[in-house]
């Protein structure tokens, strides 16, 4: 893994960097995720899993679902009662601990 130093440059109303060609060629999409860490910023290829949790409103969505579940526990159903073939196919091979 290479460490590459890059300089920021002005691009419209934002700041930008040029990605090394090797990095850009390995991208499946022309999108990246920039993650702020205690050590600095990490630039990595975007995956399907990054999209949902990276959304600033995601935590509010989860909170709203949890609040609704606590206010209306009568609406909750056992997952086995609503499980369909699509979910079974999606999670095939995933270990799930039985409660």
Foldseek 3Di string as FASTA:
>chain_A
DDDDDWDWDDDPPDIDTDDPPVQCVPAPDNDWDWDQDPVGIDIGHDDPVCVQVVPPCNVVVVVVVVVVCVVCVVPDDDCVVVDDPVVCVVCPPPDDDDD
